PDB file of all heavy atoms in Angstrom:
ATOM      1  N   THR A   1      31.547 -46.767 -45.401  1.00  0.00           N
ATOM      2  CA  THR A   1      30.405 -47.075 -46.267  1.00  0.00           C
ATOM      3  C   THR A   1      29.332 -45.998 -46.107  1.00  0.00           C
ATOM      4  O   THR A   1      28.143 -46.249 -46.261  1.00  0.00           O
ATOM      5  CB  THR A   1      29.849 -48.482 -45.925  1.00  0.00           C
ATOM      6  OG1 THR A   1      30.941 -49.395 -45.772  1.00  0.00           O
ATOM      7  CG2 THR A   1      28.955 -49.022 -47.034  1.00  0.00           C
ATOM      8  N   VAL A   2      29.761 -44.776 -45.800  1.00  0.00           N
ATOM      9  CA  VAL A   2      28.828 -43.690 -45.493  1.00  0.00           C
ATOM     10  C   VAL A   2      27.941 -43.349 -46.685  1.00  0.00           C
ATOM     11  O   VAL A   2      26.840 -42.821 -46.507  1.00  0.00           O
ATOM     12  CB  VAL A   2      29.604 -42.449 -44.998  1.00  0.00           C
ATOM     13  CG1 VAL A   2      30.399 -41.809 -46.127  1.00  0.00           C
ATOM     14  CG2 VAL A   2      28.682 -41.446 -44.337  1.00  0.00           C
ATOM     15  N   ASN A   3      28.371 -43.638 -47.910  1.00  0.00           N
ATOM     16  CA  ASN A   3      27.518 -43.379 -49.067  1.00  0.00           C
ATOM     17  C   ASN A   3      26.194 -44.118 -48.966  1.00  0.00           C
ATOM     18  O   ASN A   3      25.173 -43.655 -49.478  1.00  0.00           O
ATOM     19  CB  ASN A   3      28.227 -43.804 -50.353  1.00  0.00           C
ATOM     20  CG  ASN A   3      29.298 -42.830 -50.770  1.00  0.00           C
ATOM     21  OD1 ASN A   3      29.440 -41.756 -50.206  1.00  0.00           O
ATOM     22  ND2 ASN A   3      30.087 -43.209 -51.764  1.00  0.00           N
ATOM     23  N   VAL A   4      26.206 -45.267 -48.336  1.00  0.00           N
ATOM     24  CA  VAL A   4      24.970 -46.048 -48.154  1.00  0.00           C
ATOM     25  C   VAL A   4      24.237 -45.618 -46.897  1.00  0.00           C
ATOM     26  O   VAL A   4      23.015 -45.441 -46.905  1.00  0.00           O
ATOM     27  CB  VAL A   4      25.294 -47.560 -48.083  1.00  0.00           C
ATOM     28  CG1 VAL A   4      24.031 -48.362 -47.744  1.00  0.00           C
ATOM     29  CG2 VAL A   4      25.900 -48.045 -49.378  1.00  0.00           C
ATOM     30  N   TYR A   5      24.965 -45.416 -45.804  1.00  0.00           N
ATOM     31  CA  TYR A   5      24.324 -45.240 -44.501  1.00  0.00           C
ATOM     32  C   TYR A   5      23.957 -43.804 -44.178  1.00  0.00           C
ATOM     33  O   TYR A   5      23.068 -43.558 -43.362  1.00  0.00           O
ATOM     34  CB  TYR A   5      25.242 -45.790 -43.403  1.00  0.00           C
ATOM     35  CG  TYR A   5      25.463 -47.275 -43.499  1.00  0.00           C
ATOM     36  CD1 TYR A   5      26.741 -47.813 -43.357  1.00  0.00           C
ATOM     37  CD2 TYR A   5      24.410 -48.149 -43.751  1.00  0.00           C
ATOM     38  CE1 TYR A   5      26.956 -49.185 -43.445  1.00  0.00           C
ATOM     39  CE2 TYR A   5      24.620 -49.510 -43.853  1.00  0.00           C
ATOM     40  CZ  TYR A   5      25.894 -50.026 -43.701  1.00  0.00           C
ATOM     41  OH  TYR A   5      26.103 -51.374 -43.796  1.00  0.00           O
ATOM     42  N   GLY A   6      24.629 -42.814 -44.752  1.00  0.00           N
ATOM     43  CA  GLY A   6      24.383 -41.432 -44.378  1.00  0.00           C
ATOM     44  C   GLY A   6      25.041 -41.074 -43.058  1.00  0.00           C
ATOM     45  O   GLY A   6      25.768 -41.866 -42.475  1.00  0.00           O
ATOM     46  N   THR A   7      24.796 -39.858 -42.589  1.00  0.00           N
ATOM     47  CA  THR A   7      25.492 -39.361 -41.408  1.00  0.00           C
ATOM     48  C   THR A   7      24.534 -38.880 -40.332  1.00  0.00           C
ATOM     49  O   THR A   7      23.403 -38.473 -40.602  1.00  0.00           O
ATOM     50  CB  THR A   7      26.437 -38.205 -41.781  1.00  0.00           C
ATOM     51  OG1 THR A   7      25.674 -37.178 -42.432  1.00  0.00           O
ATOM     52  CG2 THR A   7      27.536 -38.669 -42.702  1.00  0.00           C
ATOM     53  N   ASP A   8      25.035 -38.900 -39.114  1.00  0.00           N
ATOM     54  CA  ASP A   8      24.317 -38.384 -37.954  1.00  0.00           C
ATOM     55  C   ASP A   8      24.400 -36.855 -37.969  1.00  0.00           C
ATOM     56  O   ASP A   8      25.502 -36.300 -37.990  1.00  0.00           O
ATOM     57  CB  ASP A   8      24.968 -38.950 -36.684  1.00  0.00           C
ATOM     58  CG  ASP A   8      24.380 -38.364 -35.419  1.00  0.00           C
ATOM     59  OD1 ASP A   8      23.228 -37.919 -35.455  1.00  0.00           O
ATOM     60  OD2 ASP A   8      25.100 -38.340 -34.396  1.00  0.00           O
ATOM     61  N   PRO A   9      23.279 -36.159 -37.962  1.00  0.00           N
ATOM     62  CA  PRO A   9      23.336 -34.696 -38.055  1.00  0.00           C
ATOM     63  C   PRO A   9      24.022 -34.045 -36.868  1.00  0.00           C
ATOM     64  O   PRO A   9      24.549 -32.936 -36.994  1.00  0.00           O
ATOM     65  CB  PRO A   9      21.858 -34.292 -38.132  1.00  0.00           C
ATOM     66  CG  PRO A   9      21.100 -35.447 -37.582  1.00  0.00           C
ATOM     67  CD  PRO A   9      21.896 -36.661 -37.925  1.00  0.00           C
ATOM     68  N   ALA A  10      24.062 -34.711 -35.729  1.00  0.00           N
ATOM     69  CA  ALA A  10      24.667 -34.112 -34.540  1.00  0.00           C
ATOM     70  C   ALA A  10      26.185 -34.232 -34.538  1.00  0.00           C
ATOM     71  O   ALA A  10      26.888 -33.324 -34.088  1.00  0.00           O
ATOM     72  CB  ALA A  10      24.098 -34.759 -33.282  1.00  0.00           C
ATOM     73  N   THR A  11      26.703 -35.353 -35.055  1.00  0.00           N
ATOM     74  CA  THR A  11      28.140 -35.607 -34.946  1.00  0.00           C
ATOM     75  C   THR A  11      28.864 -35.669 -36.283  1.00  0.00           C
ATOM     76  O   THR A  11      30.092 -35.582 -36.313  1.00  0.00           O
ATOM     77  CB  THR A  11      28.383 -36.942 -34.222  1.00  0.00           C
ATOM     78  OG1 THR A  11      27.889 -38.015 -35.052  1.00  0.00           O
ATOM     79  CG2 THR A  11      27.675 -36.973 -32.861  1.00  0.00           C
ATOM     80  N   GLY A  12      28.130 -35.861 -37.368  1.00  0.00           N
ATOM     81  CA  GLY A  12      28.767 -36.065 -38.667  1.00  0.00           C
ATOM     82  C   GLY A  12      29.271 -37.471 -38.881  1.00  0.00           C
ATOM     83  O   GLY A  12      29.777 -37.803 -39.950  1.00  0.00           O
ATOM     84  N   ALA A  13      29.146 -38.319 -37.866  1.00  0.00           N
ATOM     85  CA  ALA A  13      29.565 -39.716 -37.986  1.00  0.00           C
ATOM     86  C   ALA A  13      28.549 -40.495 -38.808  1.00  0.00           C
ATOM     87  O   ALA A  13      27.371 -40.127 -38.905  1.00  0.00           O
ATOM     88  CB  ALA A  13      29.712 -40.335 -36.603  1.00  0.00           C
ATOM     89  N   ALA A  14      29.008 -41.595 -39.394  1.00  0.00           N
ATOM     90  CA  ALA A  14      28.100 -42.432 -40.164  1.00  0.00           C
ATOM     91  C   ALA A  14      27.027 -43.034 -39.264  1.00  0.00           C
ATOM     92  O   ALA A  14      27.289 -43.406 -38.114  1.00  0.00           O
ATOM     93  CB  ALA A  14      28.878 -43.549 -40.853  1.00  0.00           C
ATOM     94  N   LEU A  15      25.826 -43.129 -39.799  1.00  0.00           N
ATOM     95  CA  LEU A  15      24.766 -43.866 -39.115  1.00  0.00           C
ATOM     96  C   LEU A  15      25.118 -45.354 -39.118  1.00  0.00           C
ATOM     97  O   LEU A  15      25.835 -45.834 -39.999  1.00  0.00           O
ATOM     98  CB  LEU A  15      23.433 -43.613 -39.806  1.00  0.00           C
ATOM     99  CG  LEU A  15      22.977 -42.149 -39.829  1.00  0.00           C
ATOM    100  CD1 LEU A  15      21.723 -41.989 -40.685  1.00  0.00           C
ATOM    101  CD2 LEU A  15      22.727 -41.628 -38.423  1.00  0.00           C
ATOM    102  N   ARG A  16      24.564 -46.085 -38.131  1.00  0.00           N
ATOM    103  CA  ARG A  16      24.998 -47.474 -37.950  1.00  0.00           C
ATOM    104  C   ARG A  16      23.824 -48.443 -37.842  1.00  0.00           C
ATOM    105  O   ARG A  16      22.894 -48.210 -37.060  1.00  0.00           O
ATOM    106  CB  ARG A  16      25.822 -47.617 -36.664  1.00  0.00           C
ATOM    107  CG  ARG A  16      27.068 -46.782 -36.581  1.00  0.00           C
ATOM    108  CD  ARG A  16      27.803 -47.004 -35.270  1.00  0.00           C
ATOM    109  NE  ARG A  16      26.969 -46.736 -34.099  1.00  0.00           N
ATOM    110  CZ  ARG A  16      27.359 -46.893 -32.850  1.00  0.00           C
ATOM    111  NH1 ARG A  16      28.567 -47.355 -32.582  1.00  0.00           N
ATOM    112  NH2 ARG A  16      26.544 -46.617 -31.848  1.00  0.00           N
ATOM    113  N   PRO A  17      23.874 -49.545 -38.565  1.00  0.00           N
ATOM    114  CA  PRO A  17      22.965 -50.668 -38.321  1.00  0.00           C
ATOM    115  C   PRO A  17      23.581 -51.572 -37.249  1.00  0.00           C
ATOM    116  O   PRO A  17      24.051 -52.675 -37.534  1.00  0.00           O
ATOM    117  CB  PRO A  17      22.885 -51.349 -39.684  1.00  0.00           C
ATOM    118  CG  PRO A  17      24.222 -51.077 -40.302  1.00  0.00           C
ATOM    119  CD  PRO A  17      24.686 -49.762 -39.774  1.00  0.00           C
ATOM    120  N   LEU A  18      23.596 -51.101 -36.008  1.00  0.00           N
ATOM    121  CA  LEU A  18      24.276 -51.785 -34.899  1.00  0.00           C
ATOM    122  C   LEU A  18      23.411 -51.644 -33.661  1.00  0.00           C
ATOM    123  O   LEU A  18      23.015 -50.521 -33.321  1.00  0.00           O
ATOM    124  CB  LEU A  18      25.654 -51.163 -34.667  1.00  0.00           C
ATOM    125  CG  LEU A  18      26.580 -51.886 -33.687  1.00  0.00           C
ATOM    126  CD1 LEU A  18      27.029 -53.228 -34.270  1.00  0.00           C
ATOM    127  CD2 LEU A  18      27.788 -51.023 -33.355  1.00  0.00           C
ATOM    128  N   ASP A  19      23.131 -52.749 -32.981  1.00  0.00           N
ATOM    129  CA  ASP A  19      22.132 -52.704 -31.917  1.00  0.00           C
ATOM    130  C   ASP A  19      22.335 -53.874 -30.950  1.00  0.00           C
ATOM    131  O   ASP A  19      22.683 -54.982 -31.368  1.00  0.00           O
ATOM    132  CB  ASP A  19      20.733 -52.812 -32.550  1.00  0.00           C
ATOM    133  CG  ASP A  19      19.606 -52.400 -31.625  1.00  0.00           C
ATOM    134  OD1 ASP A  19      19.342 -53.123 -30.645  1.00  0.00           O
ATOM    135  OD2 ASP A  19      18.981 -51.360 -31.882  1.00  0.00           O
ATOM    136  N   ASN A  20      22.122 -53.607 -29.654  1.00  0.00           N
ATOM    137  CA  ASN A  20      22.001 -54.707 -28.687  1.00  0.00           C
ATOM    138  C   ASN A  20      20.874 -54.434 -27.698  1.00  0.00           C
ATOM    139  O   ASN A  20      20.843 -55.024 -26.614  1.00  0.00           O
ATOM    140  CB  ASN A  20      23.327 -54.983 -27.972  1.00  0.00           C
ATOM    141  CG  ASN A  20      23.744 -53.870 -27.008  1.00  0.00           C
ATOM    142  OD1 ASN A  20      23.269 -52.727 -27.108  1.00  0.00           O
ATOM    143  ND2 ASN A  20      24.640 -54.192 -26.075  1.00  0.00           N
ATOM    144  N   THR A  21      19.943 -53.557 -28.088  1.00  0.00           N
ATOM    145  CA  THR A  21      18.807 -53.242 -27.223  1.00  0.00           C
ATOM    146  C   THR A  21      17.898 -54.469 -27.104  1.00  0.00           C
ATOM    147  O   THR A  21      17.521 -55.071 -28.114  1.00  0.00           O
ATOM    148  CB  THR A  21      18.012 -52.056 -27.798  1.00  0.00           C
ATOM    149  OG1 THR A  21      18.912 -50.965 -28.014  1.00  0.00           O
ATOM    150  CG2 THR A  21      16.904 -51.633 -26.860  1.00  0.00           C
ATOM    151  N   GLY A  22      17.553 -54.837 -25.903  1.00  0.00           N
ATOM    152  CA  GLY A  22      16.659 -55.973 -25.680  1.00  0.00           C
ATOM    153  C   GLY A  22      17.341 -57.320 -25.635  1.00  0.00           C
ATOM    154  O   GLY A  22      16.685 -58.335 -25.344  1.00  0.00           O
ATOM    155  N   VAL A  23      18.637 -57.370 -25.909  1.00  0.00           N
ATOM    156  CA  VAL A  23      19.370 -58.645 -25.918  1.00  0.00           C
ATOM    157  C   VAL A  23      19.615 -59.096 -24.482  1.00  0.00           C
ATOM    158  O   VAL A  23      20.198 -58.366 -23.675  1.00  0.00           O
ATOM    159  CB  VAL A  23      20.710 -58.498 -26.661  1.00  0.00           C
ATOM    160  CG1 VAL A  23      21.520 -59.791 -26.558  1.00  0.00           C
ATOM    161  CG2 VAL A  23      20.468 -58.135 -28.121  1.00  0.00           C
ATOM    162  N   GLN A  24      19.170 -60.299 -24.152  1.00  0.00           N
ATOM    163  CA  GLN A  24      19.363 -60.863 -22.811  1.00  0.00           C
ATOM    164  C   GLN A  24      20.626 -61.724 -22.815  1.00  0.00           C
ATOM    165  O   GLN A  24      20.587 -62.926 -23.068  1.00  0.00           O
ATOM    166  CB  GLN A  24      18.157 -61.706 -22.407  1.00  0.00           C
ATOM    167  CG  GLN A  24      16.854 -60.913 -22.331  1.00  0.00           C
ATOM    168  CD  GLN A  24      15.717 -61.765 -21.809  1.00  0.00           C
ATOM    169  OE1 GLN A  24      15.544 -61.937 -20.600  1.00  0.00           O
ATOM    170  NE2 GLN A  24      14.940 -62.312 -22.725  1.00  0.00           N
ATOM    171  N   TYR A  25      21.747 -61.085 -22.543  1.00  0.00           N
ATOM    172  CA  TYR A  25      23.017 -61.808 -22.546  1.00  0.00           C
ATOM    173  C   TYR A  25      23.001 -62.924 -21.495  1.00  0.00           C
ATOM    174  O   TYR A  25      22.555 -62.731 -20.363  1.00  0.00           O
ATOM    175  CB  TYR A  25      24.173 -60.848 -22.266  1.00  0.00           C
ATOM    176  CG  TYR A  25      24.437 -59.893 -23.411  1.00  0.00           C
ATOM    177  CD1 TYR A  25      24.163 -58.532 -23.287  1.00  0.00           C
ATOM    178  CD2 TYR A  25      24.957 -60.360 -24.609  1.00  0.00           C
ATOM    179  CE1 TYR A  25      24.414 -57.650 -24.338  1.00  0.00           C
ATOM    180  CE2 TYR A  25      25.209 -59.493 -25.667  1.00  0.00           C
ATOM    181  CZ  TYR A  25      24.936 -58.143 -25.520  1.00  0.00           C
ATOM    182  OH  TYR A  25      25.175 -57.282 -26.570  1.00  0.00           O
ATOM    183  N   GLY A  26      23.477 -64.092 -21.920  1.00  0.00           N
ATOM    184  CA  GLY A  26      23.568 -65.228 -21.008  1.00  0.00           C
ATOM    185  C   GLY A  26      22.261 -65.948 -20.756  1.00  0.00           C
ATOM    186  O   GLY A  26      22.198 -66.784 -19.841  1.00  0.00           O
ATOM    187  N   LEU A  27      21.233 -65.701 -21.571  1.00  0.00           N
ATOM    188  CA  LEU A  27      19.932 -66.337 -21.331  1.00  0.00           C
ATOM    189  C   LEU A  27      20.039 -67.859 -21.355  1.00  0.00           C
ATOM    190  O   LEU A  27      19.501 -68.542 -20.478  1.00  0.00           O
ATOM    191  CB  LEU A  27      18.923 -65.867 -22.379  1.00  0.00           C
ATOM    192  CG  LEU A  27      17.521 -66.480 -22.301  1.00  0.00           C
ATOM    193  CD1 LEU A  27      16.852 -66.159 -20.964  1.00  0.00           C
ATOM    194  CD2 LEU A  27      16.654 -66.011 -23.470  1.00  0.00           C
ATOM    195  N   GLY A  28      20.737 -68.392 -22.336  1.00  0.00           N
ATOM    196  CA  GLY A  28      20.894 -69.842 -22.402  1.00  0.00           C
ATOM    197  C   GLY A  28      21.657 -70.390 -21.215  1.00  0.00           C
ATOM    198  O   GLY A  28      21.336 -71.470 -20.692  1.00  0.00           O
ATOM    199  N   ALA A  29      22.692 -69.651 -20.779  1.00  0.00           N
ATOM    200  CA  ALA A  29      23.470 -70.086 -19.615  1.00  0.00           C
ATOM    201  C   ALA A  29      22.646 -70.029 -18.341  1.00  0.00           C
ATOM    202  O   ALA A  29      22.830 -70.850 -17.427  1.00  0.00           O
ATOM    203  CB  ALA A  29      24.716 -69.214 -19.480  1.00  0.00           C
ATOM    204  N   LEU A  30      21.724 -69.080 -18.248  1.00  0.00           N
ATOM    205  CA  LEU A  30      20.810 -69.026 -17.106  1.00  0.00           C
ATOM    206  C   LEU A  30      19.870 -70.220 -17.124  1.00  0.00           C
ATOM    207  O   LEU A  30      19.690 -70.911 -16.102  1.00  0.00           O
ATOM    208  CB  LEU A  30      20.001 -67.724 -17.146  1.00  0.00           C
ATOM    209  CG  LEU A  30      18.849 -67.633 -16.147  1.00  0.00           C
ATOM    210  CD1 LEU A  30      19.382 -67.462 -14.721  1.00  0.00           C
ATOM    211  CD2 LEU A  30      17.901 -66.483 -16.512  1.00  0.00           C
ATOM    212  N   ASN A  31      19.288 -70.482 -18.268  1.00  0.00           N
ATOM    213  CA  ASN A  31      18.283 -71.540 -18.354  1.00  0.00           C
ATOM    214  C   ASN A  31      18.873 -72.934 -18.163  1.00  0.00           C
ATOM    215  O   ASN A  31      18.166 -73.848 -17.722  1.00  0.00           O
ATOM    216  CB  ASN A  31      17.548 -71.455 -19.688  1.00  0.00           C
ATOM    217  CG  ASN A  31      16.535 -70.320 -19.724  1.00  0.00           C
ATOM    218  OD1 ASN A  31      16.041 -69.882 -18.672  1.00  0.00           O
ATOM    219  ND2 ASN A  31      16.221 -69.833 -20.917  1.00  0.00           N
ATOM    220  N   ASP A  32      20.163 -73.104 -18.484  1.00  0.00           N
ATOM    221  CA  ASP A  32      20.740 -74.437 -18.263  1.00  0.00           C
ATOM    222  C   ASP A  32      21.474 -74.542 -16.921  1.00  0.00           C
ATOM    223  O   ASP A  32      22.110 -75.548 -16.633  1.00  0.00           O
ATOM    224  CB  ASP A  32      21.665 -74.844 -19.417  1.00  0.00           C
ATOM    225  CG  ASP A  32      22.942 -74.008 -19.515  1.00  0.00           C
ATOM    226  OD1 ASP A  32      23.309 -73.322 -18.540  1.00  0.00           O
ATOM    227  OD2 ASP A  32      23.582 -74.038 -20.586  1.00  0.00           O
ATOM    228  N   GLY A  33      21.406 -73.480 -16.122  1.00  0.00           N
ATOM    229  CA  GLY A  33      21.944 -73.528 -14.773  1.00  0.00           C
ATOM    230  C   GLY A  33      23.415 -73.195 -14.639  1.00  0.00           C
ATOM    231  O   GLY A  33      23.983 -73.325 -13.547  1.00  0.00           O
ATOM    232  N   THR A  34      24.052 -72.738 -15.729  1.00  0.00           N
ATOM    233  CA  THR A  34      25.479 -72.416 -15.651  1.00  0.00           C
ATOM    234  C   THR A  34      25.719 -71.134 -14.862  1.00  0.00           C
ATOM    235  O   THR A  34      26.722 -71.006 -14.151  1.00  0.00           O
ATOM    236  CB  THR A  34      26.077 -72.295 -17.057  1.00  0.00           C
ATOM    237  OG1 THR A  34      25.849 -73.512 -17.769  1.00  0.00           O
ATOM    238  CG2 THR A  34      27.572 -72.027 -16.999  1.00  0.00           C
ATOM    239  N   ILE A  35      24.837 -70.168 -14.988  1.00  0.00           N
ATOM    240  CA  ILE A  35      24.913 -68.951 -14.173  1.00  0.00           C
ATOM    241  C   ILE A  35      23.619 -68.832 -13.382  1.00  0.00           C
ATOM    242  O   ILE A  35      22.595 -69.429 -13.750  1.00  0.00           O
ATOM    243  CB  ILE A  35      25.149 -67.679 -15.019  1.00  0.00           C
ATOM    244  CG1 ILE A  35      23.976 -67.410 -15.968  1.00  0.00           C
ATOM    245  CG2 ILE A  35      26.464 -67.785 -15.788  1.00  0.00           C
ATOM    246  CD1 ILE A  35      24.070 -66.081 -16.710  1.00  0.00           C
ATOM    247  N   ASP A  36      23.656 -68.056 -12.303  1.00  0.00           N
ATOM    248  CA  ASP A  36      22.452 -67.917 -11.482  1.00  0.00           C
ATOM    249  C   ASP A  36      21.717 -66.623 -11.804  1.00  0.00           C
ATOM    250  O   ASP A  36      22.172 -65.796 -12.621  1.00  0.00           O
ATOM    251  CB  ASP A  36      22.784 -68.022  -9.992  1.00  0.00           C
ATOM    252  CG  ASP A  36      23.724 -66.921  -9.499  1.00  0.00           C
ATOM    253  OD1 ASP A  36      23.685 -65.782 -10.040  1.00  0.00           O
ATOM    254  OD2 ASP A  36      24.509 -67.198  -8.569  1.00  0.00           O
ATOM    255  N   LYS A  37      20.596 -66.434 -11.128  1.00  0.00           N
ATOM    256  CA  LYS A  37      19.742 -65.282 -11.423  1.00  0.00           C
ATOM    257  C   LYS A  37      20.458 -63.971 -11.136  1.00  0.00           C
ATOM    258  O   LYS A  37      20.333 -63.004 -11.906  1.00  0.00           O
ATOM    259  CB  LYS A  37      18.454 -65.377 -10.603  1.00  0.00           C
ATOM    260  CG  LYS A  37      17.540 -66.514 -11.008  1.00  0.00           C
ATOM    261  CD  LYS A  37      16.232 -66.473 -10.234  1.00  0.00           C
ATOM    262  CE  LYS A  37      16.456 -66.785  -8.746  1.00  0.00           C
ATOM    263  NZ  LYS A  37      15.178 -66.757  -7.990  1.00  0.00           N
ATOM    264  N   ARG A  38      21.174 -63.894 -10.027  1.00  0.00           N
ATOM    265  CA  ARG A  38      21.857 -62.645  -9.682  1.00  0.00           C
ATOM    266  C   ARG A  38      22.895 -62.275 -10.732  1.00  0.00           C
ATOM    267  O   ARG A  38      23.020 -61.120 -11.142  1.00  0.00           O
ATOM    268  CB  ARG A  38      22.494 -62.790  -8.295  1.00  0.00           C
ATOM    269  CG  ARG A  38      23.329 -61.624  -7.790  1.00  0.00           C
ATOM    270  CD  ARG A  38      22.724 -60.238  -8.052  1.00  0.00           C
ATOM    271  NE  ARG A  38      21.321 -60.130  -7.684  1.00  0.00           N
ATOM    272  CZ  ARG A  38      20.516 -59.172  -8.126  1.00  0.00           C
ATOM    273  NH1 ARG A  38      20.965 -58.253  -8.977  1.00  0.00           N
ATOM    274  NH2 ARG A  38      19.255 -59.144  -7.755  1.00  0.00           N
TER     275      ARG A  38
END
């Protein structure tokens, strides 16, 4: 779908609307006690 997204000038690969920055994996499991802090 590169016609919509365009390309990365460094690699030529398509740019991506893909992200997991800031995502706290397992937050719900921590808060309900299924996993511990460590």
